PDB file of N, CA and C in Angstrom:
ATOM      1  N   MET A   1      26.763  -4.637 -16.842  1.00  0.00           N
ATOM      2  CA  MET A   1      25.792  -3.703 -16.321  1.00  0.00           C
ATOM      3  C   MET A   1      24.980  -3.160 -17.489  1.00  0.00           C
ATOM      4  N   ASN A   2      23.694  -2.996 -17.259  1.00  0.00           N
ATOM      5  CA  ASN A   2      22.827  -2.362 -18.242  1.00  0.00           C
ATOM      6  C   ASN A   2      22.226  -1.118 -17.597  1.00  0.00           C
ATOM      7  N   VAL A   3      22.525   0.035 -18.166  1.00  0.00           N
ATOM      8  CA  VAL A   3      21.999   1.299 -17.670  1.00  0.00           C
ATOM      9  C   VAL A   3      20.956   1.804 -18.652  1.00  0.00           C
ATOM     10  N   THR A   4      19.793   2.151 -18.144  1.00  0.00           N
ATOM     11  CA  THR A   4      18.761   2.795 -18.946  1.00  0.00           C
ATOM     12  C   THR A   4      18.584   4.208 -18.416  1.00  0.00           C
ATOM     13  N   ARG A   5      18.915   5.184 -19.210  1.00  0.00           N
ATOM     14  CA  ARG A   5      18.690   6.576 -18.838  1.00  0.00           C
ATOM     15  C   ARG A   5      17.206   6.879 -18.997  1.00  0.00           C
ATOM     16  N   TYR A   6      16.667   7.595 -18.037  1.00  0.00           N
ATOM     17  CA  TYR A   6      15.235   7.898 -18.056  1.00  0.00           C
ATOM     18  C   TYR A   6      14.815   8.502 -19.397  1.00  0.00           C
ATOM     19  N   GLY A   7      15.622   9.403 -19.923  1.00  0.00           N
ATOM     20  CA  GLY A   7      15.292  10.040 -21.191  1.00  0.00           C
ATOM     21  C   GLY A   7      15.289   9.099 -22.381  1.00  0.00           C
ATOM     22  N   ASN A   8      15.895   7.922 -22.234  1.00  0.00           N
ATOM     23  CA  ASN A   8      15.941   6.927 -23.308  1.00  0.00           C
ATOM     24  C   ASN A   8      15.096   5.696 -23.028  1.00  0.00           C
ATOM     25  N   ALA A   9      14.365   5.698 -21.919  1.00  0.00           N
ATOM     26  CA  ALA A   9      13.533   4.536 -21.579  1.00  0.00           C
ATOM     27  C   ALA A   9      12.455   4.354 -22.644  1.00  0.00           C
ATOM     28  N   PRO A  10      12.341   3.141 -23.201  1.00  0.00           N
ATOM     29  CA  PRO A  10      11.347   2.935 -24.256  1.00  0.00           C
ATOM     30  C   PRO A  10       9.928   2.903 -23.695  1.00  0.00           C
ATOM     31  N   PRO A  11       8.997   3.552 -24.388  1.00  0.00           N
ATOM     32  CA  PRO A  11       7.597   3.472 -23.955  1.00  0.00           C
ATOM     33  C   PRO A  11       7.018   2.103 -24.297  1.00  0.00           C
ATOM     34  N   TYR A  12       6.008   1.719 -23.550  1.00  0.00           N
ATOM     35  CA  TYR A  12       5.233   0.534 -23.916  1.00  0.00           C
ATOM     36  C   TYR A  12       3.767   0.854 -23.706  1.00  0.00           C
ATOM     37  N   PHE A  13       2.895   0.104 -24.333  1.00  0.00           N
ATOM     38  CA  PHE A  13       1.489   0.447 -24.418  1.00  0.00           C
ATOM     39  C   PHE A  13       0.609  -0.737 -24.024  1.00  0.00           C
ATOM     40  N   PRO A  14       0.476  -0.986 -22.712  1.00  0.00           N
ATOM     41  CA  PRO A  14      -0.338  -2.123 -22.277  1.00  0.00           C
ATOM     42  C   PRO A  14      -1.819  -1.869 -22.534  1.00  0.00           C
ATOM     43  N   PRO A  15      -2.573  -2.930 -22.794  1.00  0.00           N
ATOM     44  CA  PRO A  15      -4.010  -2.758 -23.014  1.00  0.00           C
ATOM     45  C   PRO A  15      -4.712  -2.314 -21.734  1.00  0.00           C
ATOM     46  N   ASN A  16      -5.839  -1.659 -21.906  1.00  0.00           N
ATOM     47  CA  ASN A  16      -6.723  -1.252 -20.809  1.00  0.00           C
ATOM     48  C   ASN A  16      -6.074  -0.259 -19.848  1.00  0.00           C
ATOM     49  N   HIS A  17      -5.134   0.531 -20.327  1.00  0.00           N
ATOM     50  CA  HIS A  17      -4.511   1.620 -19.571  1.00  0.00           C
ATOM     51  C   HIS A  17      -4.917   2.919 -20.263  1.00  0.00           C
ATOM     52  N   ASP A  18      -5.533   3.829 -19.507  1.00  0.00           N
ATOM     53  CA  ASP A  18      -6.031   5.074 -20.071  1.00  0.00           C
ATOM     54  C   ASP A  18      -5.466   6.247 -19.280  1.00  0.00           C
ATOM     55  N   GLY A  19      -5.011   7.277 -19.961  1.00  0.00           N
ATOM     56  CA  GLY A  19      -4.456   8.433 -19.278  1.00  0.00           C
ATOM     57  C   GLY A  19      -3.161   8.114 -18.556  1.00  0.00           C
ATOM     58  N   MET A  20      -2.380   7.213 -19.149  1.00  0.00           N
ATOM     59  CA  MET A  20      -1.125   6.774 -18.547  1.00  0.00           C
ATOM     60  C   MET A  20      -0.030   6.749 -19.609  1.00  0.00           C
ATOM     61  N   ALA A  21       1.173   7.125 -19.200  1.00  0.00           N
ATOM     62  CA  ALA A  21       2.356   6.971 -20.033  1.00  0.00           C
ATOM     63  C   ALA A  21       3.253   5.958 -19.338  1.00  0.00           C
ATOM     64  N   CYS A  22       3.574   4.862 -20.017  1.00  0.00           N
ATOM     65  CA  CYS A  22       4.330   3.759 -19.419  1.00  0.00           C
ATOM     66  C   CYS A  22       5.703   3.647 -20.069  1.00  0.00           C
ATOM     67  N   LEU A  23       6.730   3.517 -19.242  1.00  0.00           N
ATOM     68  CA  LEU A  23       8.111   3.399 -19.705  1.00  0.00           C
ATOM     69  C   LEU A  23       8.729   2.124 -19.159  1.00  0.00           C
ATOM     70  N   ARG A  24       9.534   1.473 -19.974  1.00  0.00           N
ATOM     71  CA  ARG A  24      10.264   0.289 -19.549  1.00  0.00           C
ATOM     72  C   ARG A  24      11.635   0.752 -19.058  1.00  0.00           C
ATOM     73  N   LEU A  25      11.963   0.456 -17.796  1.00  0.00           N
ATOM     74  CA  LEU A  25      13.235   0.876 -17.220  1.00  0.00           C
ATOM     75  C   LEU A  25      14.312  -0.193 -17.320  1.00  0.00           C
ATOM     76  N   GLN A  26      13.942  -1.447 -17.119  1.00  0.00           N
ATOM     77  CA  GLN A  26      14.874  -2.575 -17.215  1.00  0.00           C
ATOM     78  C   GLN A  26      14.107  -3.779 -17.735  1.00  0.00           C
ATOM     79  N   GLY A  27      14.801  -4.649 -18.430  1.00  0.00           N
ATOM     80  CA  GLY A  27      14.184  -5.857 -18.972  1.00  0.00           C
ATOM     81  C   GLY A  27      13.429  -5.568 -20.263  1.00  0.00           C
ATOM     82  N   LYS A  28      13.087  -6.617 -20.957  1.00  0.00           N
ATOM     83  CA  LYS A  28      12.381  -6.563 -22.233  1.00  0.00           C
ATOM     84  C   LYS A  28      13.079  -5.584 -23.185  1.00  0.00           C
ATOM     85  N   GLU A  29      12.358  -4.557 -23.699  1.00  0.00           N
ATOM     86  CA  GLU A  29      12.959  -3.636 -24.670  1.00  0.00           C
ATOM     87  C   GLU A  29      14.083  -2.798 -24.078  1.00  0.00           C
ATOM     88  N   ALA A  30      14.142  -2.683 -22.741  1.00  0.00           N
ATOM     89  CA  ALA A  30      15.134  -1.824 -22.088  1.00  0.00           C
ATOM     90  C   ALA A  30      16.457  -2.539 -21.822  1.00  0.00           C
ATOM     91  N   GLY A  31      16.527  -3.825 -22.092  1.00  0.00           N
ATOM     92  CA  GLY A  31      17.788  -4.528 -21.905  1.00  0.00           C
ATOM     93  C   GLY A  31      17.609  -5.906 -21.314  1.00  0.00           C
ATOM     94  N   PRO A  32      18.700  -6.617 -21.145  1.00  0.00           N
ATOM     95  CA  PRO A  32      18.639  -8.005 -20.703  1.00  0.00           C
ATOM     96  C   PRO A  32      18.209  -8.134 -19.244  1.00  0.00           C
ATOM     97  N   SER A  33      17.502  -9.202 -18.967  1.00  0.00           N
ATOM     98  CA  SER A  33      17.136  -9.578 -17.603  1.00  0.00           C
ATOM     99  C   SER A  33      16.784 -11.058 -17.609  1.00  0.00           C
ATOM    100  N   SER A  34      17.187 -11.760 -16.560  1.00  0.00           N
ATOM    101  CA  SER A  34      16.881 -13.185 -16.502  1.00  0.00           C
ATOM    102  C   SER A  34      15.649 -13.488 -15.656  1.00  0.00           C
ATOM    103  N   SER A  35      15.134 -12.491 -14.888  1.00  0.00           N
ATOM    104  CA  SER A  35      14.026 -12.837 -14.007  1.00  0.00           C
ATOM    105  C   SER A  35      12.925 -11.785 -13.885  1.00  0.00           C
ATOM    106  N   ILE A  36      13.246 -10.490 -13.903  1.00  0.00           N
ATOM    107  CA  ILE A  36      12.207  -9.469 -13.705  1.00  0.00           C
ATOM    108  C   ILE A  36      12.367  -8.338 -14.717  1.00  0.00           C
ATOM    109  N   TRP A  37      11.330  -7.525 -14.800  1.00  0.00           N
ATOM    110  CA  TRP A  37      11.426  -6.266 -15.534  1.00  0.00           C
ATOM    111  C   TRP A  37      10.833  -5.166 -14.680  1.00  0.00           C
ATOM    112  N   LEU A  38      11.292  -3.935 -14.929  1.00  0.00           N
ATOM    113  CA  LEU A  38      10.826  -2.761 -14.196  1.00  0.00           C
ATOM    114  C   LEU A  38      10.185  -1.781 -15.157  1.00  0.00           C
ATOM    115  N   GLY A  39       9.061  -1.223 -14.721  1.00  0.00           N
ATOM    116  CA  GLY A  39       8.391  -0.196 -15.498  1.00  0.00           C
ATOM    117  C   GLY A  39       8.048   0.986 -14.615  1.00  0.00           C
ATOM    118  N   MET A  40       7.866   2.124 -15.245  1.00  0.00           N
ATOM    119  CA  MET A  40       7.413   3.317 -14.541  1.00  0.00           C
ATOM    120  C   MET A  40       6.226   3.868 -15.312  1.00  0.00           C
ATOM    121  N   SER A  41       5.163   4.172 -14.581  1.00  0.00           N
ATOM    122  CA  SER A  41       3.971   4.715 -15.221  1.00  0.00           C
ATOM    123  C   SER A  41       3.612   6.047 -14.600  1.00  0.00           C
ATOM    124  N   HIS A  42       3.295   6.992 -15.474  1.00  0.00           N
ATOM    125  CA  HIS A  42       2.806   8.297 -15.049  1.00  0.00           C
ATOM    126  C   HIS A  42       1.298   8.303 -15.302  1.00  0.00           C
ATOM    127  N   LEU A  43       0.527   8.537 -14.238  1.00  0.00           N
ATOM    128  CA  LEU A  43      -0.926   8.561 -14.337  1.00  0.00           C
ATOM    129  C   LEU A  43      -1.398  10.008 -14.270  1.00  0.00           C
ATOM    130  N   LEU A  44      -2.082  10.447 -15.298  1.00  0.00           N
ATOM    131  CA  LEU A  44      -2.692  11.764 -15.278  1.00  0.00           C
ATOM    132  C   LEU A  44      -3.892  11.749 -14.330  1.00  0.00           C
ATOM    133  N   PRO A  45      -4.369  12.903 -13.881  1.00  0.00           N
ATOM    134  CA  PRO A  45      -5.608  12.917 -13.101  1.00  0.00           C
ATOM    135  C   PRO A  45      -6.724  12.210 -13.873  1.00  0.00           C
ATOM    136  N   GLY A  46      -7.395  11.308 -13.214  1.00  0.00           N
ATOM    137  CA  GLY A  46      -8.446  10.517 -13.854  1.00  0.00           C
ATOM    138  C   GLY A  46      -7.934   9.309 -14.605  1.00  0.00           C
ATOM    139  N   GLY A  47      -6.628   9.163 -14.758  1.00  0.00           N
ATOM    140  CA  GLY A  47      -6.055   8.041 -15.497  1.00  0.00           C
ATOM    141  C   GLY A  47      -6.046   6.771 -14.668  1.00  0.00           C
ATOM    142  N   GLY A  48      -5.926   5.637 -15.355  1.00  0.00           N
ATOM    143  CA  GLY A  48      -5.853   4.371 -14.640  1.00  0.00           C
ATOM    144  C   GLY A  48      -6.054   3.184 -15.546  1.00  0.00           C
ATOM    145  N   THR A  49      -6.367   2.058 -14.919  1.00  0.00           N
ATOM    146  CA  THR A  49      -6.553   0.793 -15.630  1.00  0.00           C
ATOM    147  C   THR A  49      -7.913   0.206 -15.303  1.00  0.00           C
ATOM    148  N   THR A  50      -8.310  -0.782 -16.075  1.00  0.00           N
ATOM    149  CA  THR A  50      -9.520  -1.527 -15.766  1.00  0.00           C
ATOM    150  C   THR A  50      -9.188  -2.616 -14.739  1.00  0.00           C
ATOM    151  N   LEU A  51     -10.204  -3.226 -14.196  1.00  0.00           N
ATOM    152  CA  LEU A  51     -10.042  -4.293 -13.192  1.00  0.00           C
ATOM    153  C   LEU A  51      -9.693  -5.592 -13.919  1.00  0.00           C
ATOM    154  N   ASP A  52      -8.405  -5.869 -14.020  1.00  0.00           N
ATOM    155  CA  ASP A  52      -7.908  -7.045 -14.730  1.00  0.00           C
ATOM    156  C   ASP A  52      -6.849  -7.741 -13.885  1.00  0.00           C
ATOM    157  N   GLY A  53      -6.615  -9.001 -14.174  1.00  0.00           N
ATOM    158  CA  GLY A  53      -5.568  -9.763 -13.504  1.00  0.00           C
ATOM    159  C   GLY A  53      -4.576 -10.304 -14.517  1.00  0.00           C
ATOM    160  N   SER A  54      -3.449 -10.749 -14.024  1.00  0.00           N
ATOM    161  CA  SER A  54      -2.479 -11.424 -14.876  1.00  0.00           C
ATOM    162  C   SER A  54      -1.964 -12.647 -14.131  1.00  0.00           C
ATOM    163  N   GLY A  55      -1.285 -13.503 -14.830  1.00  0.00           N
ATOM    164  CA  GLY A  55      -0.826 -14.747 -14.238  1.00  0.00           C
ATOM    165  C   GLY A  55       0.442 -14.637 -13.419  1.00  0.00           C
ATOM    166  N   VAL A  56       0.951 -13.417 -13.234  1.00  0.00           N
ATOM    167  CA  VAL A  56       2.202 -13.239 -12.497  1.00  0.00           C
ATOM    168  C   VAL A  56       2.021 -12.226 -11.359  1.00  0.00           C
ATOM    169  N   GLU A  57       2.896 -12.331 -10.391  1.00  0.00           N
ATOM    170  CA  GLU A  57       2.933 -11.406  -9.267  1.00  0.00           C
ATOM    171  C   GLU A  57       3.340 -10.009  -9.748  1.00  0.00           C
ATOM    172  N   LYS A  58       2.761  -8.971  -9.114  1.00  0.00           N
ATOM    173  CA  LYS A  58       3.112  -7.584  -9.437  1.00  0.00           C
ATOM    174  C   LYS A  58       3.405  -6.848  -8.143  1.00  0.00           C
ATOM    175  N   MET A  59       4.368  -5.938  -8.208  1.00  0.00           N
ATOM    176  CA  MET A  59       4.661  -5.073  -7.066  1.00  0.00           C
ATOM    177  C   MET A  59       4.703  -3.639  -7.557  1.00  0.00           C
ATOM    178  N   TYR A  60       4.017  -2.764  -6.810  1.00  0.00           N
ATOM    179  CA  TYR A  60       3.941  -1.346  -7.142  1.00  0.00           C
ATOM    180  C   TYR A  60       4.525  -0.526  -6.008  1.00  0.00           C
ATOM    181  N   VAL A  61       5.209   0.561  -6.353  1.00  0.00           N
ATOM    182  CA  VAL A  61       5.665   1.563  -5.390  1.00  0.00           C
ATOM    183  C   VAL A  61       5.242   2.917  -5.943  1.00  0.00           C
ATOM    184  N   VAL A  62       4.513   3.689  -5.141  1.00  0.00           N
ATOM    185  CA  VAL A  62       4.131   5.037  -5.565  1.00  0.00           C
ATOM    186  C   VAL A  62       5.322   5.957  -5.318  1.00  0.00           C
ATOM    187  N   LEU A  63       5.781   6.618  -6.373  1.00  0.00           N
ATOM    188  CA  LEU A  63       6.927   7.524  -6.264  1.00  0.00           C
ATOM    189  C   LEU A  63       6.491   8.975  -6.105  1.00  0.00           C
ATOM    190  N   GLU A  64       5.349   9.316  -6.652  1.00  0.00           N
ATOM    191  CA  GLU A  64       4.791  10.670  -6.546  1.00  0.00           C
ATOM    192  C   GLU A  64       3.279  10.583  -6.583  1.00  0.00           C
ATOM    193  N   GLY A  65       2.619  11.459  -5.852  1.00  0.00           N
ATOM    194  CA  GLY A  65       1.173  11.555  -5.919  1.00  0.00           C
ATOM    195  C   GLY A  65       0.463  10.475  -5.135  1.00  0.00           C
ATOM    196  N   GLU A  66      -0.769  10.213  -5.544  1.00  0.00           N
ATOM    197  CA  GLU A  66      -1.629   9.220  -4.901  1.00  0.00           C
ATOM    198  C   GLU A  66      -2.249   8.317  -5.956  1.00  0.00           C
ATOM    199  N   VAL A  67      -2.285   7.032  -5.663  1.00  0.00           N
ATOM    200  CA  VAL A  67      -2.880   6.049  -6.566  1.00  0.00           C
ATOM    201  C   VAL A  67      -3.779   5.134  -5.751  1.00  0.00           C
ATOM    202  N   THR A  68      -5.016   4.988  -6.183  1.00  0.00           N
ATOM    203  CA  THR A  68      -5.926   4.049  -5.557  1.00  0.00           C
ATOM    204  C   THR A  68      -5.812   2.717  -6.286  1.00  0.00           C
ATOM    205  N   ILE A  69      -5.580   1.650  -5.522  1.00  0.00           N
ATOM    206  CA  ILE A  69      -5.556   0.300  -6.083  1.00  0.00           C
ATOM    207  C   ILE A  69      -6.794  -0.425  -5.586  1.00  0.00           C
ATOM    208  N   GLN A  70      -7.622  -0.840  -6.535  1.00  0.00           N
ATOM    209  CA  GLN A  70      -8.843  -1.569  -6.230  1.00  0.00           C
ATOM    210  C   GLN A  70      -8.643  -3.036  -6.574  1.00  0.00           C
ATOM    211  N   THR A  71      -9.078  -3.917  -5.691  1.00  0.00           N
ATOM    212  CA  THR A  71      -9.124  -5.352  -5.973  1.00  0.00           C
ATOM    213  C   THR A  71     -10.554  -5.809  -5.734  1.00  0.00           C
ATOM    214  N   GLU A  72     -10.814  -7.067  -5.924  1.00  0.00           N
ATOM    215  CA  GLU A  72     -12.155  -7.594  -5.660  1.00  0.00           C
ATOM    216  C   GLU A  72     -12.478  -7.572  -4.169  1.00  0.00           C
ATOM    217  N   ASP A  73     -11.468  -7.394  -3.322  1.00  0.00           N
ATOM    218  CA  ASP A  73     -11.662  -7.347  -1.874  1.00  0.00           C
ATOM    219  C   ASP A  73     -11.818  -5.931  -1.327  1.00  0.00           C
ATOM    220  N   GLY A  74     -11.657  -4.900  -2.156  1.00  0.00           N
ATOM    221  CA  GLY A  74     -11.747  -3.525  -1.682  1.00  0.00           C
ATOM    222  C   GLY A  74     -10.706  -2.666  -2.351  1.00  0.00           C
ATOM    223  N   GLU A  75     -10.410  -1.525  -1.740  1.00  0.00           N
ATOM    224  CA  GLU A  75      -9.417  -0.634  -2.329  1.00  0.00           C
ATOM    225  C   GLU A  75      -8.575   0.011  -1.245  1.00  0.00           C
ATOM    226  N   GLN A  76      -7.386   0.440  -1.683  1.00  0.00           N
ATOM    227  CA  GLN A  76      -6.429   1.105  -0.807  1.00  0.00           C
ATOM    228  C   GLN A  76      -5.877   2.329  -1.526  1.00  0.00           C
ATOM    229  N   LEU A  77      -5.783   3.439  -0.810  1.00  0.00           N
ATOM    230  CA  LEU A  77      -5.147   4.629  -1.330  1.00  0.00           C
ATOM    231  C   LEU A  77      -3.678   4.584  -0.944  1.00  0.00           C
ATOM    232  N   LEU A  78      -2.805   4.577  -1.953  1.00  0.00           N
ATOM    233  CA  LEU A  78      -1.365   4.569  -1.712  1.00  0.00           C
ATOM    234  C   LEU A  78      -0.815   5.954  -1.981  1.00  0.00           C
ATOM    235  N   ARG A  79       0.044   6.405  -1.078  1.00  0.00           N
ATOM    236  CA  ARG A  79       0.702   7.699  -1.217  1.00  0.00           C
ATOM    237  C   ARG A  79       2.190   7.471  -1.421  1.00  0.00           C
ATOM    238  N   LYS A  80       2.924   8.556  -1.566  1.00  0.00           N
ATOM    239  CA  LYS A  80       4.350   8.508  -1.854  1.00  0.00           C
ATOM    240  C   LYS A  80       5.079   7.499  -0.972  1.00  0.00           C
ATOM    241  N   TYR A  81       5.798   6.606  -1.615  1.00  0.00           N
ATOM    242  CA  TYR A  81       6.622   5.539  -1.030  1.00  0.00           C
ATOM    243  C   TYR A  81       5.817   4.385  -0.428  1.00  0.00           C
ATOM    244  N   ASP A  82       4.481   4.406  -0.508  1.00  0.00           N
ATOM    245  CA  ASP A  82       3.689   3.234  -0.140  1.00  0.00           C
ATOM    246  C   ASP A  82       3.833   2.205  -1.255  1.00  0.00           C
ATOM    247  N   SER A  83       3.677   0.939  -0.902  1.00  0.00           N
ATOM    248  CA  SER A  83       3.804  -0.118  -1.903  1.00  0.00           C
ATOM    249  C   SER A  83       2.716  -1.161  -1.718  1.00  0.00           C
ATOM    250  N   ALA A  84       2.505  -1.946  -2.769  1.00  0.00           N
ATOM    251  CA  ALA A  84       1.510  -3.021  -2.735  1.00  0.00           C
ATOM    252  C   ALA A  84       2.014  -4.187  -3.564  1.00  0.00           C
ATOM    253  N   ARG A  85       1.672  -5.374  -3.102  1.00  0.00           N
ATOM    254  CA  ARG A  85       1.976  -6.607  -3.827  1.00  0.00           C
ATOM    255  C   ARG A  85       0.653  -7.245  -4.236  1.00  0.00           C
ATOM    256  N   LEU A  86       0.561  -7.666  -5.488  1.00  0.00           N
ATOM    257  CA  LEU A  86      -0.617  -8.358  -5.993  1.00  0.00           C
ATOM    258  C   LEU A  86      -0.211  -9.766  -6.386  1.00  0.00           C
ATOM    259  N   ALA A  87      -0.982 -10.730  -5.932  1.00  0.00           N
ATOM    260  CA  ALA A  87      -0.702 -12.137  -6.200  1.00  0.00           C
ATOM    261  C   ALA A  87      -1.013 -12.483  -7.649  1.00  0.00           C
ATOM    262  N   PRO A  88      -0.407 -13.533  -8.173  1.00  0.00           N
ATOM    263  CA  PRO A  88      -0.755 -13.984  -9.517  1.00  0.00           C
ATOM    264  C   PRO A  88      -2.265 -14.218  -9.620  1.00  0.00           C
ATOM    265  N   GLY A  89      -2.877 -13.697 -10.664  1.00  0.00           N
ATOM    266  CA  GLY A  89      -4.311 -13.864 -10.874  1.00  0.00           C
ATOM    267  C   GLY A  89      -5.187 -12.878 -10.130  1.00  0.00           C
ATOM    268  N   GLU A  90      -4.623 -12.115  -9.192  1.00  0.00           N
ATOM    269  CA  GLU A  90      -5.427 -11.150  -8.431  1.00  0.00           C
ATOM    270  C   GLU A  90      -5.768  -9.955  -9.323  1.00  0.00           C
ATOM    271  N   LYS A  91      -7.056  -9.713  -9.491  1.00  0.00           N
ATOM    272  CA  LYS A  91      -7.486  -8.597 -10.329  1.00  0.00           C
ATOM    273  C   LYS A  91      -7.228  -7.286  -9.608  1.00  0.00           C
ATOM    274  N   ARG A  92      -6.820  -6.269 -10.391  1.00  0.00           N
ATOM    275  CA  ARG A  92      -6.568  -4.952  -9.830  1.00  0.00           C
ATOM    276  C   ARG A  92      -6.946  -3.882 -10.839  1.00  0.00           C
ATOM    277  N   ALA A  93      -7.337  -2.733 -10.292  1.00  0.00           N
ATOM    278  CA  ALA A  93      -7.525  -1.527 -11.085  1.00  0.00           C
ATOM    279  C   ALA A  93      -6.750  -0.419 -10.401  1.00  0.00           C
ATOM    280  N   LEU A  94      -6.054   0.366 -11.179  1.00  0.00           N
ATOM    281  CA  LEU A  94      -5.334   1.532 -10.668  1.00  0.00           C
ATOM    282  C   LEU A  94      -6.121   2.768 -11.076  1.00  0.00           C
ATOM    283  N   ARG A  95      -6.146   3.784 -10.196  1.00  0.00           N
ATOM    284  CA  ARG A  95      -6.843   5.021 -10.535  1.00  0.00           C
ATOM    285  C   ARG A  95      -6.186   6.195  -9.830  1.00  0.00           C
ATOM    286  N   ASN A  96      -5.964   7.267 -10.567  1.00  0.00           N
ATOM    287  CA  ASN A  96      -5.515   8.527  -9.985  1.00  0.00           C
ATOM    288  C   ASN A  96      -6.751   9.410  -9.842  1.00  0.00           C
ATOM    289  N   ARG A  97      -7.271   9.506  -8.645  1.00  0.00           N
ATOM    290  CA  ARG A  97      -8.479  10.295  -8.381  1.00  0.00           C
ATOM    291  C   ARG A  97      -8.166  11.726  -7.957  1.00  0.00           C
ATOM    292  N   SER A  98      -6.901  12.076  -7.928  1.00  0.00           N
ATOM    293  CA  SER A  98      -6.515  13.418  -7.506  1.00  0.00           C
ATOM    294  C   SER A  98      -6.426  14.348  -8.720  1.00  0.00           C
ATOM    295  N   ASN A  99      -6.119  15.604  -8.461  1.00  0.00           N
ATOM    296  CA  ASN A  99      -5.924  16.578  -9.528  1.00  0.00           C
ATOM    297  C   ASN A  99      -4.450  16.761  -9.885  1.00  0.00           C
ATOM    298  N   HIS A 100      -3.582  15.885  -9.368  1.00  0.00           N
ATOM    299  CA  HIS A 100      -2.151  15.969  -9.613  1.00  0.00           C
ATOM    300  C   HIS A 100      -1.669  14.679 -10.273  1.00  0.00           C
ATOM    301  N   PRO A 101      -0.709  14.751 -11.177  1.00  0.00           N
ATOM    302  CA  PRO A 101      -0.150  13.534 -11.762  1.00  0.00           C
ATOM    303  C   PRO A 101       0.467  12.634 -10.682  1.00  0.00           C
ATOM    304  N   ALA A 102       0.470  11.357 -10.942  1.00  0.00           N
ATOM    305  CA  ALA A 102       1.067  10.370 -10.032  1.00  0.00           C
ATOM    306  C   ALA A 102       2.047   9.507 -10.828  1.00  0.00           C
ATOM    307  N   THR A 103       3.032   8.970 -10.131  1.00  0.00           N
ATOM    308  CA  THR A 103       4.035   8.105 -10.766  1.00  0.00           C
ATOM    309  C   THR A 103       4.198   6.845  -9.924  1.00  0.00           C
ATOM    310  N   ILE A 104       4.163   5.695 -10.590  1.00  0.00           N
ATOM    311  CA  ILE A 104       4.370   4.422  -9.899  1.00  0.00           C
ATOM    312  C   ILE A 104       5.492   3.643 -10.571  1.00  0.00           C
ATOM    313  N   LEU A 105       6.187   2.867  -9.750  1.00  0.00           N
ATOM    314  CA  LEU A 105       7.200   1.923 -10.205  1.00  0.00           C
ATOM    315  C   LEU A 105       6.572   0.549 -10.160  1.00  0.00           C
ATOM    316  N   LEU A 106       6.757  -0.246 -11.187  1.00  0.00           N
ATOM    317  CA  LEU A 106       6.204  -1.584 -11.283  1.00  0.00           C
ATOM    318  C   LEU A 106       7.328  -2.582 -11.443  1.00  0.00           C
ATOM    319  N   ALA A 107       7.299  -3.658 -10.669  1.00  0.00           N
ATOM    320  CA  ALA A 107       8.231  -4.772 -10.828  1.00  0.00           C
ATOM    321  C   ALA A 107       7.415  -6.043 -11.073  1.00  0.00           C
ATOM    322  N   MET A 108       7.778  -6.784 -12.128  1.00  0.00           N
ATOM    323  CA  MET A 108       7.082  -8.022 -12.481  1.00  0.00           C
ATOM    324  C   MET A 108       8.084  -9.053 -12.962  1.00  0.00           C
ATOM    325  N   PRO A 109       7.806 -10.326 -12.708  1.00  0.00           N
ATOM    326  CA  PRO A 109       8.664 -11.362 -13.291  1.00  0.00           C
ATOM    327  C   PRO A 109       8.458 -11.431 -14.794  1.00  0.00           C
ATOM    328  N   LEU A 110       9.468 -11.875 -15.480  1.00  0.00           N
ATOM    329  CA  LEU A 110       9.323 -12.105 -16.916  1.00  0.00           C
ATOM    330  C   LEU A 110       8.361 -13.262 -17.118  1.00  0.00           C
ATOM    331  N   ALA A 111       7.428 -13.093 -18.026  1.00  0.00           N
ATOM    332  CA  ALA A 111       6.425 -14.144 -18.270  1.00  0.00           C
ATOM    333  C   ALA A 111       6.980 -15.189 -19.196  1.00  0.00           C
TER     334      ALA A 111
END
């Protein structure tokens, strides 16, 4: 078993993320994994990402607040416990348009 305590979760700094604090919960720097890694991101009001894609599937779960996910097909406002799946190569932008911090859980396969 690999346990990562929230207070010891290592930060990571992905490109094109602004006004966000990202933590690795499992996999990569946070410990062994053979297939996926988990991250948690805190988005400040106005924080988010640019419209970019990656070669792997992504899954998001909003744990607190509201996060708008924009794709080339439109956008969706996700609230607490709402989730979204993005296909490999699907471009997305995340944005916290509210005045309250938001927190999302991210699950991705190891690249």
